[in-house]
Amino acid sequence: MRRLAIFIVNKRAIILGVIVAATLWFAYLSVKIEMYTAFSDLLPVDHPYIRVHDRFWKTFGGANVVLLSIEVSEGDIFNIPVLEKIKKLTEMVEQTPGANNYQIFSIGRQKVKDVRATAWGIEVQPVMWPNVPQNSDEIERLRDIVYANPTIVGRLVSEDGKAALITAAFHEERLDYAALFDRIQQAIKQAEDANTRVFAAGEPILYGWIYHHLSSITLIVAFTCLSILAILILYYRNLNGVIIPLLSAGITFIWGTGFSALMGYNFEPLILVVPFLIAARTISHSIQFRERFFEELERYGDKEKAAIESATGLIMPGSA
């Protein structure tokens, strides 16, 4: 460590030039990084279950699923206003960019069918498509169809008839989770009333909430950075003590984002805290180095000697 420290101090102008050049290069790369969520990036790609998923998800549906539950407080869903809401929410999901239309299920969906034997053979017809029942006889017929079909009752309609479910799978390539979330939340607001509640769940909704609160997260990070700046000013009360730690953190952030862009990674909002924690760790190390330097300077009275002793003692734990 001493030999390395001596080399760094003796060649500090060259090393500083390399750092500046690398920082400029990484800064150029970092502006190209994109912020988006790729569902497949969050999965362990080498796991045998994920390999099976990657092979068959386009045929049998993936894990990127949204669940919409329409529930009523009084009565049941078998009335025209609630059935209209189920129909409209189903159509909204069908028309949403990124939806896998082969993997959308709802009683208002054409592919959800009633299959029964008749005197003329097997009769197959949609449960509630293309239109919603418009009178009590049609509603009772729908009720009979639902409760006679074990693939619907308990799955798309609750056993007590007070809730209906819409399930929709979405393609996993560059899905716009923020736009999907906003579209679903807007549809929920339009559908809800004093007697009807709509709940949304699933991985896309989780990511949507993260994007929804991204502005708040940014404000928190900004406030934290300002707090760190204020603490440094109060502690050091000089420009040197404030600039060096912040400059170190800035270089760390630029190198990290630039390297991520170089490797072809996107910037994932779920891990927004990681670069911030690393930058905070860098500030801590920078403060430790500076404190140690001035202790050694007071001890030896020579800047180069103080720098060598500081680096000798701190390079190893700092690198670890």
C-alpha atoms as a PDB file:
ATOM      1  CA  MET A   1       0.000   0.000   0.000  1.00  0.00           C
ATOM      2  CA  ARG A   2       2.877   2.385   0.758  1.00  0.00           C
ATOM      3  CA  ARG A   3       4.452   1.803  -2.659  1.00  0.00           C
ATOM      4  CA  LEU A   4       1.074   2.397  -4.313  1.00  0.00           C
ATOM      5  CA  ALA A   5       0.528   5.544  -2.252  1.00  0.00           C
ATOM      6  CA  ILE A   6       3.988   6.870  -3.195  1.00  0.00           C
ATOM      7  CA  PHE A   7       3.259   6.157  -6.882  1.00  0.00           C
ATOM      8  CA  ILE A   8      -0.075   8.007  -6.694  1.00  0.00           C
ATOM      9  CA  VAL A   9       1.458  11.055  -5.038  1.00  0.00           C
ATOM     10  CA  ASN A  10       4.449  11.180  -7.381  1.00  0.00           C
ATOM     11  CA  LYS A  11       2.325  10.739 -10.512  1.00  0.00           C
ATOM     12  CA  ARG A  12      -0.646  12.782  -9.288  1.00  0.00           C
ATOM     13  CA  ALA A  13      -0.763  15.092 -12.328  1.00  0.00           C
ATOM     14  CA  ILE A  14      -0.958  12.160 -14.756  1.00  0.00           C
ATOM     15  CA  ILE A  15      -3.486  10.308 -12.591  1.00  0.00           C
ATOM     16  CA  LEU A  16      -5.615  13.456 -12.287  1.00  0.00           C
ATOM     17  CA  GLY A  17      -5.524  13.828 -16.075  1.00  0.00           C
ATOM     18  CA  VAL A  18      -6.656  10.221 -16.517  1.00  0.00           C
ATOM     19  CA  ILE A  19      -9.485  10.753 -14.024  1.00  0.00           C
ATOM     20  CA  VAL A  20     -10.647  13.911 -15.826  1.00  0.00           C
ATOM     21  CA  ALA A  21     -10.513  12.190 -19.225  1.00  0.00           C
ATOM     22  CA  ALA A  22     -12.380   9.131 -17.913  1.00  0.00           C
ATOM     23  CA  THR A  23     -14.983  11.347 -16.261  1.00  0.00           C
ATOM     24  CA  LEU A  24     -15.607  13.264 -19.491  1.00  0.00           C
ATOM     25  CA  TRP A  25     -15.912   9.983 -21.405  1.00  0.00           C
ATOM     26  CA  PHE A  26     -18.311   8.467 -18.887  1.00  0.00           C
ATOM     27  CA  ALA A  27     -20.296  11.727 -18.822  1.00  0.00           C
ATOM     28  CA  TYR A  28     -20.707  11.467 -22.591  1.00  0.00           C
ATOM     29  CA  LEU A  29     -21.905   7.867 -22.239  1.00  0.00           C
ATOM     30  CA  SER A  30     -24.199   8.611 -19.292  1.00  0.00           C
ATOM     31  CA  VAL A  31     -26.405  10.993 -21.293  1.00  0.00           C
ATOM     32  CA  LYS A  32     -27.341   8.031 -23.495  1.00  0.00           C
ATOM     33  CA  ILE A  33     -28.664   5.881 -20.652  1.00  0.00           C
ATOM     34  CA  GLU A  34     -32.424   5.248 -20.707  1.00  0.00           C
ATOM     35  CA  MET A  35     -34.761   5.022 -17.731  1.00  0.00           C
ATOM     36  CA  TYR A  36     -37.316   2.249 -18.130  1.00  0.00           C
ATOM     37  CA  THR A  37     -38.375  -1.013 -16.530  1.00  0.00           C
ATOM     38  CA  ALA A  38     -37.791  -4.265 -18.436  1.00  0.00           C
ATOM     39  CA  PHE A  39     -39.666  -7.040 -16.640  1.00  0.00           C
ATOM     40  CA  SER A  40     -37.276  -9.726 -17.923  1.00  0.00           C
ATOM     41  CA  ASP A  41     -34.301  -7.880 -16.358  1.00  0.00           C
ATOM     42  CA  LEU A  42     -35.699  -8.625 -12.907  1.00  0.00           C
ATOM     43  CA  LEU A  43     -35.737 -12.407 -13.410  1.00  0.00           C
ATOM     44  CA  PRO A  44     -32.838 -14.853 -12.788  1.00  0.00           C
ATOM     45  CA  VAL A  45     -32.268 -15.726 -16.453  1.00  0.00           C
ATOM     46  CA  ASP A  46     -30.259 -18.903 -15.793  1.00  0.00           C
ATOM     47  CA  HIS A  47     -32.861 -20.500 -13.522  1.00  0.00           C
ATOM     48  CA  PRO A  48     -34.533 -23.527 -15.176  1.00  0.00           C
ATOM     49  CA  TYR A  49     -38.026 -22.204 -14.342  1.00  0.00           C
ATOM     50  CA  ILE A  50     -37.238 -18.900 -16.058  1.00  0.00           C
ATOM     51  CA  ARG A  51     -35.928 -20.743 -19.119  1.00  0.00           C
ATOM     52  CA  VAL A  52     -39.260 -22.567 -19.372  1.00  0.00           C
ATOM     53  CA  HIS A  53     -41.064 -19.245 -18.884  1.00  0.00           C
ATOM     54  CA  ASP A  54     -39.045 -17.594 -21.671  1.00  0.00           C
ATOM     55  CA  ARG A  55     -39.793 -20.497 -23.989  1.00  0.00           C
ATOM     56  CA  PHE A  56     -43.563 -20.664 -23.527  1.00  0.00           C
ATOM     57  CA  TRP A  57     -44.835 -17.322 -22.185  1.00  0.00           C
ATOM     58  CA  LYS A  58     -45.895 -16.020 -25.618  1.00  0.00           C
ATOM     59  CA  THR A  59     -48.094 -19.082 -26.066  1.00  0.00           C
ATOM     60  CA  PHE A  60     -49.483 -19.596 -22.565  1.00  0.00           C
ATOM     61  CA  GLY A  61     -49.127 -16.137 -21.068  1.00  0.00           C
ATOM     62  CA  GLY A  62     -46.423 -14.507 -19.002  1.00  0.00           C
ATOM     63  CA  ALA A  63     -46.079 -13.258 -15.458  1.00  0.00           C
ATOM     64  CA  ASN A  64     -46.668  -9.615 -16.399  1.00  0.00           C
ATOM     65  CA  VAL A  65     -50.339  -9.752 -15.405  1.00  0.00           C
ATOM     66  CA  VAL A  66     -52.802  -7.090 -14.241  1.00  0.00           C
ATOM     67  CA  LEU A  67     -55.787  -8.101 -12.123  1.00  0.00           C
ATOM     68  CA  LEU A  68     -58.828  -5.811 -11.897  1.00  0.00           C
ATOM     69  CA  SER A  69     -61.438  -6.649  -9.276  1.00  0.00           C
ATOM     70  CA  ILE A  70     -64.852  -4.958  -9.507  1.00  0.00           C
ATOM     71  CA  GLU A  71     -66.677  -5.260  -6.189  1.00  0.00           C
ATOM     72  CA  VAL A  72     -70.037  -3.989  -4.937  1.00  0.00           C
ATOM     73  CA  SER A  73     -71.052  -3.148  -1.377  1.00  0.00           C
ATOM     74  CA  GLU A  74     -74.799  -3.719  -1.729  1.00  0.00           C
ATOM     75  CA  GLY A  75     -76.459  -6.414  -3.818  1.00  0.00           C
ATOM     76  CA  ASP A  76     -74.417  -8.233  -6.445  1.00  0.00           C
ATOM     77  CA  ILE A  77     -72.835  -7.590  -9.836  1.00  0.00           C
ATOM     78  CA  PHE A  78     -75.879  -8.884 -11.741  1.00  0.00           C
ATOM     79  CA  ASN A  79     -77.389  -5.522 -12.622  1.00  0.00           C
ATOM     80  CA  ILE A  80     -77.045  -3.375 -15.711  1.00  0.00           C
ATOM     81  CA  PRO A  81     -74.853  -0.539 -14.300  1.00  0.00           C
ATOM     82  CA  VAL A  82     -72.223  -2.900 -12.824  1.00  0.00           C
ATOM     83  CA  LEU A  83     -72.207  -5.187 -15.866  1.00  0.00           C
ATOM     84  CA  GLU A  84     -71.690  -2.099 -18.044  1.00  0.00           C
ATOM     85  CA  LYS A  85     -68.674  -1.175 -15.905  1.00  0.00           C
ATOM     86  CA  ILE A  86     -67.223  -4.686 -16.305  1.00  0.00           C
ATOM     87  CA  LYS A  87     -67.735  -4.446 -20.063  1.00  0.00           C
ATOM     88  CA  LYS A  88     -66.083  -0.993 -20.310  1.00  0.00           C
ATOM     89  CA  LEU A  89     -63.102  -1.994 -18.157  1.00  0.00           C
ATOM     90  CA  THR A  90     -62.610  -5.110 -20.281  1.00  0.00           C
ATOM     91  CA  GLU A  91     -62.651  -3.045 -23.478  1.00  0.00           C
ATOM     92  CA  MET A  92     -60.238  -0.549 -21.903  1.00  0.00           C
ATOM     93  CA  VAL A  93     -57.762  -3.351 -21.182  1.00  0.00           C
ATOM     94  CA  GLU A  94     -58.169  -4.785 -24.703  1.00  0.00           C
ATOM     95  CA  GLN A  95     -57.327  -1.414 -26.254  1.00  0.00           C
ATOM     96  CA  THR A  96     -54.335  -0.703 -23.994  1.00  0.00           C
ATOM     97  CA  PRO A  97     -50.953  -0.726 -25.804  1.00  0.00           C
ATOM     98  CA  GLY A  98     -48.892  -3.748 -24.826  1.00  0.00           C
ATOM     99  CA  ALA A  99     -51.857  -5.967 -23.938  1.00  0.00           C
ATOM    100  CA  ASN A 100     -51.661  -9.609 -25.003  1.00  0.00           C
ATOM    101  CA  ASN A 101     -55.187 -10.014 -26.367  1.00  0.00           C
ATOM    102  CA  TYR A 102     -54.906 -13.805 -26.296  1.00  0.00           C
ATOM    103  CA  GLN A 103     -54.490 -13.641 -22.513  1.00  0.00           C
ATOM    104  CA  ILE A 104     -57.369 -11.391 -21.400  1.00  0.00           C
ATOM    105  CA  PHE A 105     -60.189 -13.015 -19.456  1.00  0.00           C
ATOM    106  CA  SER A 106     -63.470 -11.507 -18.256  1.00  0.00           C
ATOM    107  CA  ILE A 107     -67.154 -12.342 -18.471  1.00  0.00           C
ATOM    108  CA  GLY A 108     -67.336  -9.401 -20.884  1.00  0.00           C
ATOM    109  CA  ARG A 109     -64.742 -10.995 -23.171  1.00  0.00           C
ATOM    110  CA  GLN A 110     -65.701 -12.826 -26.356  1.00  0.00           C
ATOM    111  CA  LYS A 111     -63.388 -15.772 -25.676  1.00  0.00           C
ATOM    112  CA  VAL A 112     -65.035 -16.589 -22.316  1.00  0.00           C
ATOM    113  CA  LYS A 113     -67.787 -18.909 -23.505  1.00  0.00           C
ATOM    114  CA  ASP A 114     -70.670 -20.984 -22.244  1.00  0.00           C
ATOM    115  CA  VAL A 115     -70.504 -24.554 -23.528  1.00  0.00           C
ATOM    116  CA  ARG A 116     -73.564 -26.782 -23.134  1.00  0.00           C
ATOM    117  CA  ALA A 117     -75.194 -29.799 -24.688  1.00  0.00           C
ATOM    118  CA  THR A 118     -78.514 -29.335 -26.516  1.00  0.00           C
ATOM    119  CA  ALA A 119     -80.864 -31.577 -28.499  1.00  0.00           C
ATOM    120  CA  TRP A 120     -78.998 -30.475 -31.639  1.00  0.00           C
ATOM    121  CA  GLY A 121     -75.479 -31.032 -30.306  1.00  0.00           C
ATOM    122  CA  ILE A 122     -72.950 -28.821 -28.510  1.00  0.00           C
ATOM    123  CA  GLU A 123     -73.795 -25.122 -28.255  1.00  0.00           C
ATOM    124  CA  VAL A 124     -70.931 -22.647 -27.697  1.00  0.00           C
ATOM    125  CA  GLN A 125     -71.572 -18.947 -27.227  1.00  0.00           C
ATOM    126  CA  PRO A 126     -69.965 -16.018 -25.368  1.00  0.00           C
ATOM    127  CA  VAL A 127     -71.153 -15.501 -21.805  1.00  0.00           C
ATOM    128  CA  MET A 128     -71.719 -11.741 -22.109  1.00  0.00           C
ATOM    129  CA  TRP A 129     -70.690 -10.542 -25.529  1.00  0.00           C
ATOM    130  CA  PRO A 130     -71.193  -8.400 -27.585  1.00  0.00           C
ATOM    131  CA  ASN A 131     -73.836  -6.719 -25.441  1.00  0.00           C
ATOM    132  CA  VAL A 132     -74.693  -6.426 -21.749  1.00  0.00           C
ATOM    133  CA  PRO A 133     -78.084  -7.901 -20.677  1.00  0.00           C
ATOM    134  CA  GLN A 134     -80.783  -5.236 -20.924  1.00  0.00           C
ATOM    135  CA  ASN A 135     -83.652  -6.723 -18.901  1.00  0.00           C
ATOM    136  CA  SER A 136     -84.281  -8.950 -15.890  1.00  0.00           C
ATOM    137  CA  ASP A 137     -84.776 -12.113 -17.974  1.00  0.00           C
ATOM    138  CA  GLU A 138     -81.428 -11.670 -19.715  1.00  0.00           C
ATOM    139  CA  ILE A 139     -79.723 -10.953 -16.374  1.00  0.00           C
ATOM    140  CA  GLU A 140     -81.175 -14.108 -14.831  1.00  0.00           C
ATOM    141  CA  ARG A 141     -80.006 -16.093 -17.845  1.00  0.00           C
ATOM    142  CA  LEU A 142     -76.497 -14.660 -17.357  1.00  0.00           C
ATOM    143  CA  ARG A 143     -76.617 -15.558 -13.668  1.00  0.00           C
ATOM    144  CA  ASP A 144     -77.589 -19.144 -14.516  1.00  0.00           C
ATOM    145  CA  ILE A 145     -74.769 -19.417 -17.077  1.00  0.00           C
ATOM    146  CA  VAL A 146     -72.186 -18.114 -14.606  1.00  0.00           C
ATOM    147  CA  TYR A 147     -73.163 -20.367 -11.701  1.00  0.00           C
ATOM    148  CA  ALA A 148     -73.457 -23.408 -13.940  1.00  0.00           C
ATOM    149  CA  ASN A 149     -69.907 -22.985 -15.224  1.00  0.00           C
ATOM    150  CA  PRO A 150     -67.115 -24.038 -12.792  1.00  0.00           C
ATOM    151  CA  THR A 151     -64.494 -22.251 -14.946  1.00  0.00           C
ATOM    152  CA  ILE A 152     -66.240 -18.917 -14.265  1.00  0.00           C
ATOM    153  CA  VAL A 153     -67.717 -19.037 -10.762  1.00  0.00           C
ATOM    154  CA  GLY A 154     -64.979 -18.721  -8.172  1.00  0.00           C
ATOM    155  CA  ARG A 155     -62.551 -17.504 -10.846  1.00  0.00           C
ATOM    156  CA  LEU A 156     -64.025 -14.652 -12.877  1.00  0.00           C
ATOM    157  CA  VAL A 157     -67.052 -14.135 -10.629  1.00  0.00           C
ATOM    158  CA  SER A 158     -66.990 -14.614  -6.870  1.00  0.00           C
ATOM    159  CA  GLU A 159     -69.164 -17.333  -5.366  1.00  0.00           C
ATOM    160  CA  ASP A 160     -71.326 -14.765  -3.563  1.00  0.00           C
ATOM    161  CA  GLY A 161     -71.762 -12.770  -6.786  1.00  0.00           C
ATOM    162  CA  LYS A 162     -70.440  -9.548  -5.261  1.00  0.00           C
ATOM    163  CA  ALA A 163     -67.237  -9.295  -7.332  1.00  0.00           C
ATOM    164  CA  ALA A 164     -65.947  -9.916 -10.842  1.00  0.00           C
ATOM    165  CA  LEU A 165     -62.364 -10.292 -11.993  1.00  0.00           C
ATOM    166  CA  ILE A 166     -60.593  -9.166 -15.152  1.00  0.00           C
ATOM    167  CA  THR A 167     -57.162 -10.688 -15.810  1.00  0.00           C
ATOM    168  CA  ALA A 168     -54.877  -9.354 -18.527  1.00  0.00           C
ATOM    169  CA  ALA A 169     -51.346 -10.338 -19.507  1.00  0.00           C
ATOM    170  CA  PHE A 170     -49.050  -7.739 -21.053  1.00  0.00           C
ATOM    171  CA  HIS A 171     -46.079  -8.167 -23.337  1.00  0.00           C
ATOM    172  CA  GLU A 172     -42.794  -7.844 -21.487  1.00  0.00           C
ATOM    173  CA  GLU A 173     -40.753  -5.971 -24.108  1.00  0.00           C
ATOM    174  CA  ARG A 174     -40.439  -2.267 -23.247  1.00  0.00           C
ATOM    175  CA  LEU A 175     -43.912  -1.944 -21.762  1.00  0.00           C
ATOM    176  CA  ASP A 176     -44.663   1.650 -20.751  1.00  0.00           C
ATOM    177  CA  TYR A 177     -45.608   0.983 -17.128  1.00  0.00           C
ATOM    178  CA  ALA A 178     -46.242   4.649 -16.335  1.00  0.00           C
ATOM    179  CA  ALA A 179     -48.702   5.080 -19.216  1.00  0.00           C
ATOM    180  CA  LEU A 180     -50.382   1.740 -18.402  1.00  0.00           C
ATOM    181  CA  PHE A 181     -50.758   2.719 -14.743  1.00  0.00           C
ATOM    182  CA  ASP A 182     -52.209   6.150 -15.578  1.00  0.00           C
ATOM    183  CA  ARG A 183     -54.671   4.619 -18.036  1.00  0.00           C
ATOM    184  CA  ILE A 184     -55.880   2.038 -15.519  1.00  0.00           C
ATOM    185  CA  GLN A 185     -56.159   4.558 -12.674  1.00  0.00           C
ATOM    186  CA  GLN A 186     -58.183   6.889 -14.902  1.00  0.00           C
ATOM    187  CA  ALA A 187     -60.531   4.033 -15.851  1.00  0.00           C
ATOM    188  CA  ILE A 188     -60.907   3.071 -12.184  1.00  0.00           C
ATOM    189  CA  LYS A 189     -61.912   6.636 -11.251  1.00  0.00           C
ATOM    190  CA  GLN A 190     -64.575   6.619 -13.947  1.00  0.00           C
ATOM    191  CA  ALA A 191     -65.922   3.225 -12.870  1.00  0.00           C
ATOM    192  CA  GLU A 192     -66.071   3.723  -9.106  1.00  0.00           C
ATOM    193  CA  ASP A 193     -69.115   5.117  -7.327  1.00  0.00           C
ATOM    194  CA  ALA A 194     -70.723   4.921  -3.872  1.00  0.00           C
ATOM    195  CA  ASN A 195     -71.540   1.210  -4.324  1.00  0.00           C
ATOM    196  CA  THR A 196     -68.727   0.069  -6.613  1.00  0.00           C
ATOM    197  CA  ARG A 197     -65.017  -0.266  -5.871  1.00  0.00           C
ATOM    198  CA  VAL A 198     -62.317  -1.321  -8.316  1.00  0.00           C
ATOM    199  CA  PHE A 199     -58.970  -2.737  -7.180  1.00  0.00           C
ATOM    200  CA  ALA A 200     -55.883  -3.215  -9.339  1.00  0.00           C
ATOM    201  CA  ALA A 201     -52.979  -5.566  -8.612  1.00  0.00           C
ATOM    202  CA  GLY A 202     -50.083  -7.235 -10.412  1.00  0.00           C
ATOM    203  CA  GLU A 203     -46.449  -6.535 -11.302  1.00  0.00           C
ATOM    204  CA  PRO A 204     -47.261  -3.745 -13.834  1.00  0.00           C
ATOM    205  CA  ILE A 205     -49.294  -1.957 -11.159  1.00  0.00           C
ATOM    206  CA  LEU A 206     -46.388  -2.218  -8.703  1.00  0.00           C
ATOM    207  CA  TYR A 207     -44.008  -0.669 -11.238  1.00  0.00           C
ATOM    208  CA  GLY A 208     -46.659   1.902 -12.086  1.00  0.00           C
ATOM    209  CA  TRP A 209     -46.797   3.057  -8.461  1.00  0.00           C
ATOM    210  CA  ILE A 210     -43.010   3.466  -8.504  1.00  0.00           C
ATOM    211  CA  TYR A 211     -43.200   5.654 -11.617  1.00  0.00           C
ATOM    212  CA  HIS A 212     -46.159   7.509 -10.087  1.00  0.00           C
ATOM    213  CA  HIS A 213     -44.095   8.441  -7.025  1.00  0.00           C
ATOM    214  CA  LEU A 214     -40.877   9.079  -8.981  1.00  0.00           C
ATOM    215  CA  SER A 215     -41.280  12.852  -8.678  1.00  0.00           C
ATOM    216  CA  SER A 216     -41.656  12.520  -4.898  1.00  0.00           C
ATOM    217  CA  ILE A 217     -38.583  10.285  -4.754  1.00  0.00           C
ATOM    218  CA  THR A 218     -36.646  12.883  -6.757  1.00  0.00           C
ATOM    219  CA  LEU A 219     -37.674  15.598  -4.296  1.00  0.00           C
ATOM    220  CA  ILE A 220     -36.587  13.433  -1.349  1.00  0.00           C
ATOM    221  CA  VAL A 221     -33.210  12.765  -2.984  1.00  0.00           C
ATOM    222  CA  ALA A 222     -32.767  16.471  -3.748  1.00  0.00           C
ATOM    223  CA  PHE A 223     -33.673  17.436  -0.175  1.00  0.00           C
ATOM    224  CA  THR A 224     -31.226  14.832   1.146  1.00  0.00           C
ATOM    225  CA  CYS A 225     -28.436  16.189  -1.069  1.00  0.00           C
ATOM    226  CA  LEU A 226     -29.132  19.727   0.154  1.00  0.00           C
ATOM    227  CA  SER A 227     -29.080  18.451   3.745  1.00  0.00           C
ATOM    228  CA  ILE A 228     -25.675  16.824   3.141  1.00  0.00           C
ATOM    229  CA  LEU A 229     -24.422  20.094   1.648  1.00  0.00           C
ATOM    230  CA  ALA A 230     -25.674  22.051   4.660  1.00  0.00           C
ATOM    231  CA  ILE A 231     -24.008  19.625   7.092  1.00  0.00           C
ATOM    232  CA  LEU A 232     -20.688  19.870   5.223  1.00  0.00           C
ATOM    233  CA  ILE A 233     -20.884  23.677   5.319  1.00  0.00           C
ATOM    234  CA  LEU A 234     -21.649  23.686   9.053  1.00  0.00           C
ATOM    235  CA  TYR A 235     -18.903  21.167   9.793  1.00  0.00           C
ATOM    236  CA  TYR A 236     -16.015  22.479   7.683  1.00  0.00           C
ATOM    237  CA  ARG A 237     -16.936  26.136   7.141  1.00  0.00           C
ATOM    238  CA  ASN A 238     -14.569  26.308   4.161  1.00  0.00           C
ATOM    239  CA  LEU A 239     -14.856  25.724   0.418  1.00  0.00           C
ATOM    240  CA  ASN A 240     -12.283  22.938   0.329  1.00  0.00           C
ATOM    241  CA  GLY A 241     -14.185  20.761   2.801  1.00  0.00           C
ATOM    242  CA  VAL A 242     -17.452  21.181   0.918  1.00  0.00           C
ATOM    243  CA  ILE A 243     -16.275  20.864  -2.688  1.00  0.00           C
ATOM    244  CA  ILE A 244     -14.001  17.797  -2.409  1.00  0.00           C
ATOM    245  CA  PRO A 245     -16.627  15.356  -0.981  1.00  0.00           C
ATOM    246  CA  LEU A 246     -19.318  16.578  -3.384  1.00  0.00           C
ATOM    247  CA  LEU A 247     -16.924  16.403  -6.331  1.00  0.00           C
ATOM    248  CA  SER A 248     -16.007  12.838  -5.370  1.00  0.00           C
ATOM    249  CA  ALA A 249     -19.677  11.851  -5.195  1.00  0.00           C
ATOM    250  CA  GLY A 250     -20.373  13.510  -8.545  1.00  0.00           C
ATOM    251  CA  ILE A 251     -17.519  11.629 -10.214  1.00  0.00           C
ATOM    252  CA  THR A 252     -18.781   8.367  -8.705  1.00  0.00           C
ATOM    253  CA  PHE A 253     -22.270   8.972 -10.087  1.00  0.00           C
ATOM    254  CA  ILE A 254     -20.957   9.891 -13.558  1.00  0.00           C
ATOM    255  CA  TRP A 255     -18.697   6.827 -13.713  1.00  0.00           C
ATOM    256  CA  GLY A 256     -21.482   4.532 -12.516  1.00  0.00           C
ATOM    257  CA  THR A 257     -24.124   5.723 -14.978  1.00  0.00           C
ATOM    258  CA  GLY A 258     -21.589   5.903 -17.820  1.00  0.00           C
ATOM    259  CA  PHE A 259     -20.402   2.364 -17.156  1.00  0.00           C
ATOM    260  CA  SER A 260     -24.026   1.138 -17.022  1.00  0.00           C
ATOM    261  CA  ALA A 261     -24.688   2.749 -20.418  1.00  0.00           C
ATOM    262  CA  LEU A 262     -21.457   1.232 -21.778  1.00  0.00           C
ATOM    263  CA  MET A 263     -22.610  -2.251 -20.704  1.00  0.00           C
ATOM    264  CA  GLY A 264     -26.033  -1.701 -22.323  1.00  0.00           C
ATOM    265  CA  TYR A 265     -28.003  -1.523 -19.068  1.00  0.00           C
ATOM    266  CA  ASN A 266     -31.041   0.669 -18.595  1.00  0.00           C
ATOM    267  CA  PHE A 267     -31.584   2.826 -15.514  1.00  0.00           C
ATOM    268  CA  GLU A 268     -34.202   1.002 -13.447  1.00  0.00           C
ATOM    269  CA  PRO A 269     -36.300   3.175 -11.066  1.00  0.00           C
ATOM    270  CA  LEU A 270     -36.516   0.223  -8.658  1.00  0.00           C
ATOM    271  CA  ILE A 271     -32.770   0.552  -7.967  1.00  0.00           C
ATOM    272  CA  LEU A 272     -32.701   4.351  -7.833  1.00  0.00           C
ATOM    273  CA  VAL A 273     -31.501   4.134  -4.232  1.00  0.00           C
ATOM    274  CA  VAL A 274     -28.355   2.159  -5.180  1.00  0.00           C
ATOM    275  CA  PRO A 275     -26.343   4.931  -6.919  1.00  0.00           C
ATOM    276  CA  PHE A 276     -27.449   7.325  -4.183  1.00  0.00           C
ATOM    277  CA  LEU A 277     -26.127   4.988  -1.457  1.00  0.00           C
ATOM    278  CA  ILE A 278     -22.841   4.523  -3.335  1.00  0.00           C
ATOM    279  CA  ALA A 279     -22.470   8.299  -3.706  1.00  0.00           C
ATOM    280  CA  ALA A 280     -23.173   8.725   0.020  1.00  0.00           C
ATOM    281  CA  ARG A 281     -20.506   6.116   0.762  1.00  0.00           C
ATOM    282  CA  THR A 282     -18.103   8.066  -1.469  1.00  0.00           C
ATOM    283  CA  ILE A 283     -18.764  11.265   0.491  1.00  0.00           C
ATOM    284  CA  SER A 284     -18.034   9.378   3.717  1.00  0.00           C
ATOM    285  CA  HIS A 285     -14.734   8.049   2.329  1.00  0.00           C
ATOM    286  CA  SER A 286     -13.787  11.481   1.037  1.00  0.00           C
ATOM    287  CA  ILE A 287     -14.385  13.039   4.451  1.00  0.00           C
ATOM    288  CA  GLN A 288     -12.322  10.284   6.124  1.00  0.00           C
ATOM    289  CA  PHE A 289      -9.447  10.850   3.686  1.00  0.00           C
ATOM    290  CA  ARG A 290      -9.533  14.596   4.215  1.00  0.00           C
ATOM    291  CA  GLU A 291      -9.625  14.286   8.013  1.00  0.00           C
ATOM    292  CA  ARG A 292      -6.749  11.801   7.964  1.00  0.00           C
ATOM    293  CA  PHE A 293      -4.729  14.044   5.632  1.00  0.00           C
ATOM    294  CA  PHE A 294      -4.920  17.027   7.965  1.00  0.00           C
ATOM    295  CA  GLU A 295      -4.066  14.826  10.969  1.00  0.00           C
ATOM    296  CA  GLU A 296      -0.949  13.600   9.146  1.00  0.00           C
ATOM    297  CA  LEU A 297      -0.151  17.138   7.969  1.00  0.00           C
ATOM    298  CA  GLU A 298      -0.203  18.361  11.547  1.00  0.00           C
ATOM    299  CA  ARG A 299       2.003  15.422  12.526  1.00  0.00           C
ATOM    300  CA  TYR A 300       4.639  15.662   9.741  1.00  0.00           C
ATOM    301  CA  GLY A 301       4.264  19.239   8.500  1.00  0.00           C
ATOM    302  CA  ASP A 302       4.735  18.104   4.886  1.00  0.00           C
ATOM    303  CA  LYS A 303       1.870  17.813   2.364  1.00  0.00           C
ATOM    304  CA  GLU A 304       3.374  14.989   0.277  1.00  0.00           C
ATOM    305  CA  LYS A 305       4.311  12.990   3.370  1.00  0.00           C
ATOM    306  CA  ALA A 306       0.824  13.550   4.799  1.00  0.00           C
ATOM    307  CA  ALA A 307      -0.801  12.432   1.524  1.00  0.00           C
ATOM    308  CA  ILE A 308       1.353   9.268   1.381  1.00  0.00           C
ATOM    309  CA  GLU A 309       0.595   8.331   4.992  1.00  0.00           C
ATOM    310  CA  SER A 310      -3.137   8.997   4.533  1.00  0.00           C
ATOM    311  CA  ALA A 311      -3.306   6.890   1.387  1.00  0.00           C
ATOM    312  CA  THR A 312      -1.226   4.090   2.936  1.00  0.00           C
ATOM    313  CA  GLY A 313      -3.665   3.772   5.823  1.00  0.00           C
ATOM    314  CA  LEU A 314      -6.919   4.192   3.925  1.00  0.00           C
ATOM    315  CA  ILE A 315      -6.544   2.668   0.444  1.00  0.00           C
ATOM    316  CA  MET A 316      -7.072  -0.897   1.639  1.00  0.00           C
ATOM    317  CA  PRO A 317     -10.208  -0.367   3.833  1.00  0.00           C
ATOM    318  CA  GLY A 318     -11.558   2.146   1.322  1.00  0.00           C
ATOM    319  CA  SER A 319     -11.172  -0.323  -1.553  1.00  0.00           C
ATOM    320  CA  ALA A 320     -12.748  -3.123   0.489  1.00  0.00           C
END
